[in-house]
Amino acid sequence: MSSPTDPNRDEMALKAKSDVMFDKTSDYLKAELDLTLDDYKLLEQMNNATTNKYKEMTTATEKLAKTVDQMNDKYKTLLPNLSLIDTIEQKVQKLEDMAYAIDAYSKRLESKFKQLEKK
């Protein structure tokens, strides 16, 4: 029979408690590492999502730049016609001004003619 202060029994109890402590420490460290690993996986997913979004934005920007280039080319093609339209508009304005002037002149002549007829 062992005595209450049996060194063998104390050593076995200490070993059992040490085993429990090491198991708990191991579980804790494993949980911490798993948490860190999950954080890295989340960061990787976020980076992948960001990369995909930037790729989409790059594609959209390239399409937009291509469309702008096409519109600029069309504008350059239309530019001589636009200048011609401006010139025609100026000439039409001059004709309109002349028509108003002729109309005003004819009204004055008509008025003078009526005055002469009355006499």
PDB file of N, CA and C in Angstrom:
ATOM      1  N   MET A   1       0.819  -1.167   0.000  1.00  0.00           N
ATOM      2  CA  MET A   1       0.000   0.000   0.000  1.00  0.00           C
ATOM      3  C   MET A   1       0.877   1.250   0.000  1.00  0.00           C
ATOM      4  N   SER A   2       0.406   2.308  -0.693  1.00  0.00           N
ATOM      5  CA  SER A   2       1.231   3.489  -0.748  1.00  0.00           C
ATOM      6  C   SER A   2       0.782   4.493   0.289  1.00  0.00           C
ATOM      7  N   SER A   3       1.721   5.216   0.742  1.00  0.00           N
ATOM      8  CA  SER A   3       1.435   6.224   1.753  1.00  0.00           C
ATOM      9  C   SER A   3       0.965   7.504   1.072  1.00  0.00           C
ATOM     10  N   PRO A   4       0.284   8.391   1.827  1.00  0.00           N
ATOM     11  CA  PRO A   4      -0.233   9.617   1.226  1.00  0.00           C
ATOM     12  C   PRO A   4       0.867  10.496   0.650  1.00  0.00           C
ATOM     13  N   THR A   5       2.036  10.374   1.065  1.00  0.00           N
ATOM     14  CA  THR A   5       3.129  11.183   0.534  1.00  0.00           C
ATOM     15  C   THR A   5       4.046  10.320  -0.322  1.00  0.00           C
ATOM     16  N   ASP A   6       3.482   9.362  -0.984  1.00  0.00           N
ATOM     17  CA  ASP A   6       4.254   8.448  -1.824  1.00  0.00           C
ATOM     18  C   ASP A   6       4.770   9.222  -3.036  1.00  0.00           C
ATOM     19  N   PRO A   7       6.100   9.277  -3.232  1.00  0.00           N
ATOM     20  CA  PRO A   7       6.665  10.040  -4.340  1.00  0.00           C
ATOM     21  C   PRO A   7       6.224   9.493  -5.699  1.00  0.00           C
ATOM     22  N   ASN A   8       6.001   8.196  -5.797  1.00  0.00           N
ATOM     23  CA  ASN A   8       5.587   7.589  -7.055  1.00  0.00           C
ATOM     24  C   ASN A   8       4.184   8.073  -7.426  1.00  0.00           C
ATOM     25  N   ARG A   9       3.317   8.130  -6.426  1.00  0.00           N
ATOM     26  CA  ARG A   9       1.946   8.581  -6.658  1.00  0.00           C
ATOM     27  C   ARG A   9       1.925  10.059  -7.020  1.00  0.00           C
ATOM     28  N   ASP A  10       2.714  10.866  -6.341  1.00  0.00           N
ATOM     29  CA  ASP A  10       2.791  12.293  -6.647  1.00  0.00           C
ATOM     30  C   ASP A  10       3.326  12.517  -8.066  1.00  0.00           C
ATOM     31  N   GLU A  11       4.289  11.705  -8.424  1.00  0.00           N
ATOM     32  CA  GLU A  11       4.866  11.811  -9.762  1.00  0.00           C
ATOM     33  C   GLU A  11       3.839  11.437 -10.827  1.00  0.00           C
ATOM     34  N   MET A  12       3.045  10.416 -10.574  1.00  0.00           N
ATOM     35  CA  MET A  12       2.004   9.989 -11.526  1.00  0.00           C
ATOM     36  C   MET A  12       0.918  11.068 -11.649  1.00  0.00           C
ATOM     37  N   ALA A  13       0.539  11.681 -10.535  1.00  0.00           N
ATOM     38  CA  ALA A  13      -0.467  12.734 -10.560  1.00  0.00           C
ATOM     39  C   ALA A  13       0.079  13.952 -11.317  1.00  0.00           C
ATOM     40  N   LEU A  14       1.327  14.263 -11.047  1.00  0.00           N
ATOM     41  CA  LEU A  14       1.959  15.376 -11.747  1.00  0.00           C
ATOM     42  C   LEU A  14       2.048  15.101 -13.241  1.00  0.00           C
ATOM     43  N   LYS A  15       2.397  13.866 -13.623  1.00  0.00           N
ATOM     44  CA  LYS A  15       2.479  13.488 -15.038  1.00  0.00           C
ATOM     45  C   LYS A  15       1.103  13.575 -15.684  1.00  0.00           C
ATOM     46  N   ALA A  16       0.061  13.114 -14.984  1.00  0.00           N
ATOM     47  CA  ALA A  16      -1.307  13.172 -15.528  1.00  0.00           C
ATOM     48  C   ALA A  16      -1.736  14.628 -15.725  1.00  0.00           C
ATOM     49  N   LYS A  17      -1.439  15.462 -14.730  1.00  0.00           N
ATOM     50  CA  LYS A  17      -1.798  16.879 -14.859  1.00  0.00           C
ATOM     51  C   LYS A  17      -0.988  17.552 -15.964  1.00  0.00           C
ATOM     52  N   SER A  18       0.285  17.168 -16.095  1.00  0.00           N
ATOM     53  CA  SER A  18       1.125  17.718 -17.166  1.00  0.00           C
ATOM     54  C   SER A  18       0.581  17.304 -18.526  1.00  0.00           C
ATOM     55  N   ASP A  19       0.143  16.033 -18.651  1.00  0.00           N
ATOM     56  CA  ASP A  19      -0.429  15.556 -19.912  1.00  0.00           C
ATOM     57  C   ASP A  19      -1.690  16.356 -20.261  1.00  0.00           C
ATOM     58  N   VAL A  20      -2.532  16.591 -19.255  1.00  0.00           N
ATOM     59  CA  VAL A  20      -3.753  17.373 -19.483  1.00  0.00           C
ATOM     60  C   VAL A  20      -3.383  18.790 -19.902  1.00  0.00           C
ATOM     61  N   MET A  21      -2.391  19.376 -19.207  1.00  0.00           N
ATOM     62  CA  MET A  21      -1.969  20.725 -19.522  1.00  0.00           C
ATOM     63  C   MET A  21      -1.420  20.795 -20.949  1.00  0.00           C
ATOM     64  N   PHE A  22      -0.579  19.848 -21.340  1.00  0.00           N
ATOM     65  CA  PHE A  22      -0.027  19.849 -22.690  1.00  0.00           C
ATOM     66  C   PHE A  22      -1.116  19.628 -23.743  1.00  0.00           C
ATOM     67  N   ASP A  23      -2.083  18.753 -23.433  1.00  0.00           N
ATOM     68  CA  ASP A  23      -3.208  18.536 -24.365  1.00  0.00           C
ATOM     69  C   ASP A  23      -4.016  19.822 -24.540  1.00  0.00           C
ATOM     70  N   LYS A  24      -4.295  20.487 -23.416  1.00  0.00           N
ATOM     71  CA  LYS A  24      -5.064  21.732 -23.482  1.00  0.00           C
ATOM     72  C   LYS A  24      -4.277  22.818 -24.230  1.00  0.00           C
ATOM     73  N   THR A  25      -2.988  22.907 -23.960  1.00  0.00           N
ATOM     74  CA  THR A  25      -2.140  23.876 -24.646  1.00  0.00           C
ATOM     75  C   THR A  25      -2.081  23.572 -26.139  1.00  0.00           C
ATOM     76  N   SER A  26      -1.970  22.310 -26.458  1.00  0.00           N
ATOM     77  CA  SER A  26      -1.955  21.885 -27.858  1.00  0.00           C
ATOM     78  C   SER A  26      -3.272  22.251 -28.545  1.00  0.00           C
ATOM     79  N   ASP A  27      -4.391  21.976 -27.871  1.00  0.00           N
ATOM     80  CA  ASP A  27      -5.705  22.331 -28.429  1.00  0.00           C
ATOM     81  C   ASP A  27      -5.820  23.844 -28.634  1.00  0.00           C
ATOM     82  N   TYR A  28      -5.331  24.607 -27.658  1.00  0.00           N
ATOM     83  CA  TYR A  28      -5.387  26.060 -27.750  1.00  0.00           C
ATOM     84  C   TYR A  28      -4.560  26.556 -28.939  1.00  0.00           C
ATOM     85  N   LEU A  29      -3.321  26.057 -29.034  1.00  0.00           N
ATOM     86  CA  LEU A  29      -2.454  26.485 -30.127  1.00  0.00           C
ATOM     87  C   LEU A  29      -3.030  26.066 -31.484  1.00  0.00           C
ATOM     88  N   LYS A  30      -3.612  24.876 -31.554  1.00  0.00           N
ATOM     89  CA  LYS A  30      -4.235  24.409 -32.800  1.00  0.00           C
ATOM     90  C   LYS A  30      -5.406  25.324 -33.168  1.00  0.00           C
ATOM     91  N   ALA A  31      -6.202  25.698 -32.186  1.00  0.00           N
ATOM     92  CA  ALA A  31      -7.330  26.599 -32.445  1.00  0.00           C
ATOM     93  C   ALA A  31      -6.834  27.965 -32.920  1.00  0.00           C
ATOM     94  N   GLU A  32      -5.773  28.476 -32.315  1.00  0.00           N
ATOM     95  CA  GLU A  32      -5.195  29.752 -32.738  1.00  0.00           C
ATOM     96  C   GLU A  32      -4.672  29.657 -34.175  1.00  0.00           C
ATOM     97  N   LEU A  33      -3.989  28.560 -34.479  1.00  0.00           N
ATOM     98  CA  LEU A  33      -3.476  28.385 -35.835  1.00  0.00           C
ATOM     99  C   LEU A  33      -4.616  28.235 -36.839  1.00  0.00           C
ATOM    100  N   ASP A  34      -5.670  27.519 -36.461  1.00  0.00           N
ATOM    101  CA  ASP A  34      -6.839  27.374 -37.341  1.00  0.00           C
ATOM    102  C   ASP A  34      -7.490  28.732 -37.581  1.00  0.00           C
ATOM    103  N   LEU A  35      -7.578  29.535 -36.536  1.00  0.00           N
ATOM    104  CA  LEU A  35      -8.163  30.875 -36.667  1.00  0.00           C
ATOM    105  C   LEU A  35      -7.314  31.734 -37.604  1.00  0.00           C
ATOM    106  N   THR A  36      -6.009  31.673 -37.449  1.00  0.00           N
ATOM    107  CA  THR A  36      -5.105  32.421 -38.323  1.00  0.00           C
ATOM    108  C   THR A  36      -5.232  31.931 -39.766  1.00  0.00           C
ATOM    109  N   LEU A  37      -5.313  30.622 -39.922  1.00  0.00           N
ATOM    110  CA  LEU A  37      -5.479  30.046 -41.256  1.00  0.00           C
ATOM    111  C   LEU A  37      -6.802  30.501 -41.884  1.00  0.00           C
ATOM    112  N   ASP A  38      -7.857  30.530 -41.103  1.00  0.00           N
ATOM    113  CA  ASP A  38      -9.153  31.016 -41.603  1.00  0.00           C
ATOM    114  C   ASP A  38      -9.057  32.486 -42.013  1.00  0.00           C
ATOM    115  N   ASP A  39      -8.323  33.285 -41.222  1.00  0.00           N
ATOM    116  CA  ASP A  39      -8.117  34.695 -41.578  1.00  0.00           C
ATOM    117  C   ASP A  39      -7.401  34.821 -42.923  1.00  0.00           C
ATOM    118  N   TYR A  40      -6.361  34.006 -43.108  1.00  0.00           N
ATOM    119  CA  TYR A  40      -5.634  34.045 -44.371  1.00  0.00           C
ATOM    120  C   TYR A  40      -6.506  33.588 -45.542  1.00  0.00           C
ATOM    121  N   LYS A  41      -7.345  32.592 -45.306  1.00  0.00           N
ATOM    122  CA  LYS A  41      -8.262  32.132 -46.368  1.00  0.00           C
ATOM    123  C   LYS A  41      -9.244  33.237 -46.728  1.00  0.00           C
ATOM    124  N   LEU A  42      -9.748  33.932 -45.713  1.00  0.00           N
ATOM    125  CA  LEU A  42     -10.662  35.049 -45.963  1.00  0.00           C
ATOM    126  C   LEU A  42      -9.961  36.161 -46.744  1.00  0.00           C
ATOM    127  N   LEU A  43      -8.735  36.486 -46.346  1.00  0.00           N
ATOM    128  CA  LEU A  43      -7.972  37.496 -47.069  1.00  0.00           C
ATOM    129  C   LEU A  43      -7.727  37.075 -48.519  1.00  0.00           C
ATOM    130  N   GLU A  44      -7.450  35.800 -48.717  1.00  0.00           N
ATOM    131  CA  GLU A  44      -7.238  35.302 -50.079  1.00  0.00           C
ATOM    132  C   GLU A  44      -8.516  35.443 -50.909  1.00  0.00           C
ATOM    133  N   GLN A  45      -9.660  35.107 -50.306  1.00  0.00           N
ATOM    134  CA  GLN A  45     -10.937  35.252 -51.017  1.00  0.00           C
ATOM    135  C   GLN A  45     -11.211  36.724 -51.341  1.00  0.00           C
ATOM    136  N   MET A  46     -10.928  37.599 -50.384  1.00  0.00           N
ATOM    137  CA  MET A  46     -11.128  39.032 -50.620  1.00  0.00           C
ATOM    138  C   MET A  46     -10.211  39.535 -51.735  1.00  0.00           C
ATOM    139  N   ASN A  47      -8.961  39.081 -51.726  1.00  0.00           N
ATOM    140  CA  ASN A  47      -8.019  39.476 -52.776  1.00  0.00           C
ATOM    141  C   ASN A  47      -8.480  38.970 -54.140  1.00  0.00           C
ATOM    142  N   ASN A  48      -8.977  37.736 -54.186  1.00  0.00           N
ATOM    143  CA  ASN A  48      -9.472  37.185 -55.446  1.00  0.00           C
ATOM    144  C   ASN A  48     -10.678  37.974 -55.942  1.00  0.00           C
ATOM    145  N   ALA A  49     -11.587  38.307 -55.028  1.00  0.00           N
ATOM    146  CA  ALA A  49     -12.768  39.092 -55.413  1.00  0.00           C
ATOM    147  C   ALA A  49     -12.347  40.467 -55.924  1.00  0.00           C
ATOM    148  N   THR A  50     -11.392  41.089 -55.249  1.00  0.00           N
ATOM    149  CA  THR A  50     -10.896  42.405 -55.671  1.00  0.00           C
ATOM    150  C   THR A  50     -10.220  42.307 -57.036  1.00  0.00           C
ATOM    151  N   THR A  51      -9.427  41.271 -57.230  1.00  0.00           N
ATOM    152  CA  THR A  51      -8.753  41.064 -58.517  1.00  0.00           C
ATOM    153  C   THR A  51      -9.779  40.907 -59.633  1.00  0.00           C
ATOM    154  N   ASN A  52     -10.815  40.115 -59.383  1.00  0.00           N
ATOM    155  CA  ASN A  52     -11.857  39.926 -60.397  1.00  0.00           C
ATOM    156  C   ASN A  52     -12.581  41.225 -60.692  1.00  0.00           C
ATOM    157  N   LYS A  53     -12.858  42.007 -59.647  1.00  0.00           N
ATOM    158  CA  LYS A  53     -13.543  43.288 -59.844  1.00  0.00           C
ATOM    159  C   LYS A  53     -12.668  44.222 -60.669  1.00  0.00           C
ATOM    160  N   TYR A  54     -11.363  44.261 -60.386  1.00  0.00           N
ATOM    161  CA  TYR A  54     -10.465  45.112 -61.161  1.00  0.00           C
ATOM    162  C   TYR A  54     -10.373  44.649 -62.612  1.00  0.00           C
ATOM    163  N   LYS A  55     -10.416  43.337 -62.823  1.00  0.00           N
ATOM    164  CA  LYS A  55     -10.410  42.822 -64.195  1.00  0.00           C
ATOM    165  C   LYS A  55     -11.667  43.287 -64.928  1.00  0.00           C
ATOM    166  N   GLU A  56     -12.822  43.208 -64.257  1.00  0.00           N
ATOM    167  CA  GLU A  56     -14.074  43.677 -64.864  1.00  0.00           C
ATOM    168  C   GLU A  56     -13.986  45.166 -65.176  1.00  0.00           C
ATOM    169  N   MET A  57     -13.459  45.930 -64.223  1.00  0.00           N
ATOM    170  CA  MET A  57     -13.335  47.373 -64.425  1.00  0.00           C
ATOM    171  C   MET A  57     -12.365  47.679 -65.568  1.00  0.00           C
ATOM    172  N   THR A  58     -11.286  46.908 -65.675  1.00  0.00           N
ATOM    173  CA  THR A  58     -10.321  47.095 -66.750  1.00  0.00           C
ATOM    174  C   THR A  58     -10.984  46.823 -68.095  1.00  0.00           C
ATOM    175  N   THR A  59     -11.757  45.740 -68.158  1.00  0.00           N
ATOM    176  CA  THR A  59     -12.461  45.405 -69.396  1.00  0.00           C
ATOM    177  C   THR A  59     -13.442  46.511 -69.772  1.00  0.00           C
ATOM    178  N   ALA A  60     -14.200  46.985 -68.793  1.00  0.00           N
ATOM    179  CA  ALA A  60     -15.169  48.052 -69.055  1.00  0.00           C
ATOM    180  C   ALA A  60     -14.444  49.325 -69.504  1.00  0.00           C
ATOM    181  N   THR A  61     -13.337  49.643 -68.884  1.00  0.00           N
ATOM    182  CA  THR A  61     -12.570  50.836 -69.241  1.00  0.00           C
ATOM    183  C   THR A  61     -12.007  50.717 -70.657  1.00  0.00           C
ATOM    184  N   GLU A  62     -11.520  49.528 -70.997  1.00  0.00           N
ATOM    185  CA  GLU A  62     -10.994  49.316 -72.355  1.00  0.00           C
ATOM    186  C   GLU A  62     -12.106  49.480 -73.391  1.00  0.00           C
ATOM    187  N   LYS A  63     -13.285  48.937 -73.096  1.00  0.00           N
ATOM    188  CA  LYS A  63     -14.413  49.087 -74.012  1.00  0.00           C
ATOM    189  C   LYS A  63     -14.797  50.551 -74.141  1.00  0.00           C
ATOM    190  N   LEU A  64     -14.821  51.249 -73.018  1.00  0.00           N
ATOM    191  CA  LEU A  64     -15.164  52.674 -73.023  1.00  0.00           C
ATOM    192  C   LEU A  64     -14.139  53.475 -73.827  1.00  0.00           C
ATOM    193  N   ALA A  65     -12.871  53.177 -73.647  1.00  0.00           N
ATOM    194  CA  ALA A  65     -11.821  53.876 -74.390  1.00  0.00           C
ATOM    195  C   ALA A  65     -11.968  53.608 -75.886  1.00  0.00           C
ATOM    196  N   LYS A  66     -12.289  52.375 -76.236  1.00  0.00           N
ATOM    197  CA  LYS A  66     -12.483  52.025 -77.651  1.00  0.00           C
ATOM    198  C   LYS A  66     -13.670  52.793 -78.226  1.00  0.00           C
ATOM    199  N   THR A  67     -14.753  52.878 -77.457  1.00  0.00           N
ATOM    200  CA  THR A  67     -15.935  53.616 -77.903  1.00  0.00           C
ATOM    201  C   THR A  67     -15.618  55.099 -78.070  1.00  0.00           C
ATOM    202  N   VAL A  68     -14.870  55.658 -77.139  1.00  0.00           N
ATOM    203  CA  VAL A  68     -14.485  57.071 -77.230  1.00  0.00           C
ATOM    204  C   VAL A  68     -13.634  57.299 -78.475  1.00  0.00           C
ATOM    205  N   ASP A  69     -12.703  56.388 -78.740  1.00  0.00           N
ATOM    206  CA  ASP A  69     -11.876  56.514 -79.945  1.00  0.00           C
ATOM    207  C   ASP A  69     -12.737  56.469 -81.207  1.00  0.00           C
ATOM    208  N   GLN A  70     -13.703  55.556 -81.235  1.00  0.00           N
ATOM    209  CA  GLN A  70     -14.599  55.455 -82.391  1.00  0.00           C
ATOM    210  C   GLN A  70     -15.405  56.743 -82.561  1.00  0.00           C
ATOM    211  N   MET A  71     -15.905  57.275 -81.456  1.00  0.00           N
ATOM    212  CA  MET A  71     -16.686  58.516 -81.530  1.00  0.00           C
ATOM    213  C   MET A  71     -15.815  59.679 -81.987  1.00  0.00           C
ATOM    214  N   ASN A  72     -14.578  59.724 -81.521  1.00  0.00           N
ATOM    215  CA  ASN A  72     -13.659  60.782 -81.964  1.00  0.00           C
ATOM    216  C   ASN A  72     -13.399  60.664 -83.464  1.00  0.00           C
ATOM    217  N   ASP A  73     -13.231  59.432 -83.945  1.00  0.00           N
ATOM    218  CA  ASP A  73     -13.030  59.223 -85.385  1.00  0.00           C
ATOM    219  C   ASP A  73     -14.256  59.695 -86.169  1.00  0.00           C
ATOM    220  N   LYS A  74     -15.441  59.362 -85.676  1.00  0.00           N
ATOM    221  CA  LYS A  74     -16.670  59.793 -86.351  1.00  0.00           C
ATOM    222  C   LYS A  74     -16.785  61.312 -86.330  1.00  0.00           C
ATOM    223  N   TYR A  75     -16.420  61.919 -85.213  1.00  0.00           N
ATOM    224  CA  TYR A  75     -16.469  63.378 -85.107  1.00  0.00           C
ATOM    225  C   TYR A  75     -15.514  64.010 -86.123  1.00  0.00           C
ATOM    226  N   LYS A  76     -14.313  63.447 -86.234  1.00  0.00           N
ATOM    227  CA  LYS A  76     -13.348  63.977 -87.201  1.00  0.00           C
ATOM    228  C   LYS A  76     -13.883  63.836 -88.621  1.00  0.00           C
ATOM    229  N   THR A  77     -14.593  62.744 -88.881  1.00  0.00           N
ATOM    230  CA  THR A  77     -15.182  62.536 -90.202  1.00  0.00           C
ATOM    231  C   THR A  77     -16.288  63.563 -90.461  1.00  0.00           C
ATOM    232  N   LEU A  78     -17.059  63.883 -89.421  1.00  0.00           N
ATOM    233  CA  LEU A  78     -18.174  64.814 -89.575  1.00  0.00           C
ATOM    234  C   LEU A  78     -17.752  66.282 -89.512  1.00  0.00           C
ATOM    235  N   LEU A  79     -16.577  66.541 -89.022  1.00  0.00           N
ATOM    236  CA  LEU A  79     -16.135  67.926 -88.822  1.00  0.00           C
ATOM    237  C   LEU A  79     -16.247  68.795 -90.073  1.00  0.00           C
ATOM    238  N   PRO A  80     -15.816  68.339 -91.260  1.00  0.00           N
ATOM    239  CA  PRO A  80     -15.998  69.191 -92.456  1.00  0.00           C
ATOM    240  C   PRO A  80     -17.477  69.496 -92.721  1.00  0.00           C
ATOM    241  N   ASN A  81     -18.340  68.510 -92.509  1.00  0.00           N
ATOM    242  CA  ASN A  81     -19.770  68.740 -92.714  1.00  0.00           C
ATOM    243  C   ASN A  81     -20.321  69.727 -91.685  1.00  0.00           C
ATOM    244  N   LEU A  82     -19.830  69.639 -90.462  1.00  0.00           N
ATOM    245  CA  LEU A  82     -20.274  70.574 -89.435  1.00  0.00           C
ATOM    246  C   LEU A  82     -19.852  71.997 -89.778  1.00  0.00           C
ATOM    247  N   SER A  83     -18.655  72.132 -90.312  1.00  0.00           N
ATOM    248  CA  SER A  83     -18.189  73.468 -90.738  1.00  0.00           C
ATOM    249  C   SER A  83     -19.059  73.979 -91.877  1.00  0.00           C
ATOM    250  N   LEU A  84     -19.399  73.092 -92.797  1.00  0.00           N
ATOM    251  CA  LEU A  84     -20.267  73.473 -93.904  1.00  0.00           C
ATOM    252  C   LEU A  84     -21.642  73.903 -93.396  1.00  0.00           C
ATOM    253  N   ILE A  85     -22.158  73.173 -92.429  1.00  0.00           N
ATOM    254  CA  ILE A  85     -23.455  73.534 -91.835  1.00  0.00           C
ATOM    255  C   ILE A  85     -23.374  74.911 -91.185  1.00  0.00           C
ATOM    256  N   ASP A  86     -22.283  75.185 -90.481  1.00  0.00           N
ATOM    257  CA  ASP A  86     -22.113  76.507 -89.869  1.00  0.00           C
ATOM    258  C   ASP A  86     -22.092  77.604 -90.936  1.00  0.00           C
ATOM    259  N   THR A  87     -21.385  77.348 -92.031  1.00  0.00           N
ATOM    260  CA  THR A  87     -21.314  78.329 -93.119  1.00  0.00           C
ATOM    261  C   THR A  87     -22.698  78.557 -93.726  1.00  0.00           C
ATOM    262  N   ILE A  88     -23.419  77.461 -93.973  1.00  0.00           N
ATOM    263  CA  ILE A  88     -24.777  77.568 -94.533  1.00  0.00           C
ATOM    264  C   ILE A  88     -25.685  78.320 -93.571  1.00  0.00           C
ATOM    265  N   GLU A  89     -25.561  78.041 -92.286  1.00  0.00           N
ATOM    266  CA  GLU A  89     -26.392  78.736 -91.295  1.00  0.00           C
ATOM    267  C   GLU A  89     -26.125  80.241 -91.324  1.00  0.00           C
ATOM    268  N   GLN A  90     -24.865  80.633 -91.448  1.00  0.00           N
ATOM    269  CA  GLN A  90     -24.526  82.061 -91.516  1.00  0.00           C
ATOM    270  C   GLN A  90     -25.128  82.700 -92.770  1.00  0.00           C
ATOM    271  N   LYS A  91     -25.061  81.972 -93.901  1.00  0.00           N
ATOM    272  CA  LYS A  91     -25.618  82.513 -95.145  1.00  0.00           C
ATOM    273  C   LYS A  91     -27.142  82.606 -95.064  1.00  0.00           C
ATOM    274  N   VAL A  92     -27.775  81.607 -94.464  1.00  0.00           N
ATOM    275  CA  VAL A  92     -29.228  81.642 -94.297  1.00  0.00           C
ATOM    276  C   VAL A  92     -29.617  82.812 -93.398  1.00  0.00           C
ATOM    277  N   GLN A  93     -28.841  83.053 -92.359  1.00  0.00           N
ATOM    278  CA  GLN A  93     -29.111  84.191 -91.470  1.00  0.00           C
ATOM    279  C   GLN A  93     -29.016  85.501 -92.237  1.00  0.00           C
ATOM    280  N   LYS A  94     -27.989  85.617 -93.105  1.00  0.00           N
ATOM    281  CA  LYS A  94     -27.847  86.835 -93.915  1.00  0.00           C
ATOM    282  C   LYS A  94     -29.037  86.983 -94.858  1.00  0.00           C
ATOM    283  N   LEU A  95     -29.471  85.863 -95.478  1.00  0.00           N
ATOM    284  CA  LEU A  95     -30.629  85.908 -96.375  1.00  0.00           C
ATOM    285  C   LEU A  95     -31.886  86.318 -95.620  1.00  0.00           C
ATOM    286  N   GLU A  96     -32.022  85.779 -94.422  1.00  0.00           N
ATOM    287  CA  GLU A  96     -33.187  86.121 -93.600  1.00  0.00           C
ATOM    288  C   GLU A  96     -33.174  87.609 -93.253  1.00  0.00           C
ATOM    289  N   ASP A  97     -31.991  88.105 -92.888  1.00  0.00           N
ATOM    290  CA  ASP A  97     -31.869  89.536 -92.582  1.00  0.00           C
ATOM    291  C   ASP A  97     -32.225  90.383 -93.814  1.00  0.00           C
ATOM    292  N   MET A  98     -31.744  89.929 -94.999  1.00  0.00           N
ATOM    293  CA  MET A  98     -32.068  90.662 -96.233  1.00  0.00           C
ATOM    294  C   MET A  98     -33.563  90.607 -96.513  1.00  0.00           C
ATOM    295  N   ALA A  99     -34.180  89.458 -96.287  1.00  0.00           N
ATOM    296  CA  ALA A  99     -35.619  89.321 -96.519  1.00  0.00           C
ATOM    297  C   ALA A  99     -36.388  90.273 -95.611  1.00  0.00           C
ATOM    298  N   TYR A 100     -35.994  90.370 -94.346  1.00  0.00           N
ATOM    299  CA  TYR A 100     -36.662  91.308 -93.433  1.00  0.00           C
ATOM    300  C   TYR A 100     -36.460  92.752 -93.907  1.00  0.00           C
ATOM    301  N   ALA A 101     -35.248  93.025 -94.363  1.00  0.00           N
ATOM    302  CA  ALA A 101     -34.955  94.385 -94.835  1.00  0.00           C
ATOM    303  C   ALA A 101     -35.790  94.701 -96.077  1.00  0.00           C
ATOM    304  N   ILE A 102     -35.875  93.757 -97.020  1.00  0.00           N
ATOM    305  CA  ILE A 102     -36.679  93.957 -98.240  1.00  0.00           C
ATOM    306  C   ILE A 102     -38.141  94.112 -97.871  1.00  0.00           C
ATOM    307  N   ASP A 103     -38.611  93.290 -96.917  1.00  0.00           N
ATOM    308  CA  ASP A 103     -40.005  93.377 -96.477  1.00  0.00           C
ATOM    309  C   ASP A 103     -40.290  94.755 -95.879  1.00  0.00           C
ATOM    310  N   ALA A 104     -39.384  95.212 -95.035  1.00  0.00           N
ATOM    311  CA  ALA A 104     -39.561  96.533 -94.417  1.00  0.00           C
ATOM    312  C   ALA A 104     -39.528  97.620 -95.488  1.00  0.00           C
ATOM    313  N   TYR A 105     -38.604  97.484 -96.445  1.00  0.00           N
ATOM    314  CA  TYR A 105     -38.506  98.460 -97.529  1.00  0.00           C
ATOM    315  C   TYR A 105     -39.778  98.460 -98.376  1.00  0.00           C
ATOM    316  N   SER A 106     -40.302  97.255 -98.680  1.00  0.00           N
ATOM    317  CA  SER A 106     -41.528  97.182 -99.498  1.00  0.00           C
ATOM    318  C   SER A 106     -42.719  97.755 -98.745  1.00  0.00           C
ATOM    319  N   LYS A 107     -42.755  97.595 -97.446  1.00  0.00           N
ATOM    320  CA  LYS A 107     -43.850  98.176 -96.651  1.00  0.00           C
ATOM    321  C   LYS A 107     -43.758  99.699 -96.662  1.00  0.00           C
ATOM    322  N   ARG A 108     -42.528 100.210 -96.576  1.00  0.00           N
ATOM    323  CA  ARG A 108     -42.360 101.661 -96.648  1.00  0.00           C
ATOM    324  C   ARG A 108     -42.768 102.184 -98.022  1.00  0.00           C
ATOM    325  N   LEU A 109     -42.388 101.452 -99.077  1.00  0.00           N
ATOM    326  CA  LEU A 109     -42.772 101.858-100.431  1.00  0.00           C
ATOM    327  C   LEU A 109     -44.281 101.838-100.601  1.00  0.00           C
ATOM    328  N   GLU A 110     -44.896 100.777-100.087  1.00  0.00           N
ATOM    329  CA  GLU A 110     -46.353 100.648-100.180  1.00  0.00           C
ATOM    330  C   GLU A 110     -47.033 101.810 -99.458  1.00  0.00           C
ATOM    331  N   SER A 111     -46.488 102.127 -98.280  1.00  0.00           N
ATOM    332  CA  SER A 111     -47.048 103.224 -97.503  1.00  0.00           C
ATOM    333  C   SER A 111     -46.920 104.536 -98.285  1.00  0.00           C
ATOM    334  N   LYS A 112     -45.747 104.778 -98.890  1.00  0.00           N
ATOM    335  CA  LYS A 112     -45.534 106.004 -99.661  1.00  0.00           C
ATOM    336  C   LYS A 112     -46.432 106.006-100.902  1.00  0.00           C
ATOM    337  N   PHE A 113     -46.576 104.836-101.526  1.00  0.00           N
ATOM    338  CA  PHE A 113     -47.428 104.736-102.707  1.00  0.00           C
ATOM    339  C   PHE A 113     -48.869 105.070-102.350  1.00  0.00           C
ATOM    340  N   LYS A 114     -49.348 104.581-101.236  1.00  0.00           N
ATOM    341  CA  LYS A 114     -50.712 104.887-100.780  1.00  0.00           C
ATOM    342  C   LYS A 114     -50.871 106.367-100.497  1.00  0.00           C
ATOM    343  N   GLN A 115     -49.816 106.973 -99.934  1.00  0.00           N
ATOM    344  CA  GLN A 115     -49.868 108.413 -99.651  1.00  0.00           C
ATOM    345  C   GLN A 115     -49.941 109.210-100.964  1.00  0.00           C
ATOM    346  N   LEU A 116     -49.213 108.729-101.982  1.00  0.00           N
ATOM    347  CA  LEU A 116     -49.232 109.415-103.272  1.00  0.00           C
ATOM    348  C   LEU A 116     -50.586 109.249-103.950  1.00  0.00           C
ATOM    349  N   GLU A 117     -51.201 108.115-103.791  1.00  0.00           N
ATOM    350  CA  GLU A 117     -52.514 107.871-104.407  1.00  0.00           C
ATOM    351  C   GLU A 117     -53.579 108.748-103.786  1.00  0.00           C
ATOM    352  N   LYS A 118     -53.468 109.025-102.519  1.00  0.00           N
ATOM    353  CA  LYS A 118     -54.444 109.851-101.813  1.00  0.00           C
ATOM    354  C   LYS A 118     -54.381 111.299-102.294  1.00  0.00           C
ATOM    355  N   LYS A 119     -53.270 111.724-102.772  1.00  0.00           N
ATOM    356  CA  LYS A 119     -53.096 113.117-103.170  1.00  0.00           C
ATOM    357  C   LYS A 119     -53.684 113.344-104.478  1.00  0.00           C
TER     358      LYS A 119
END
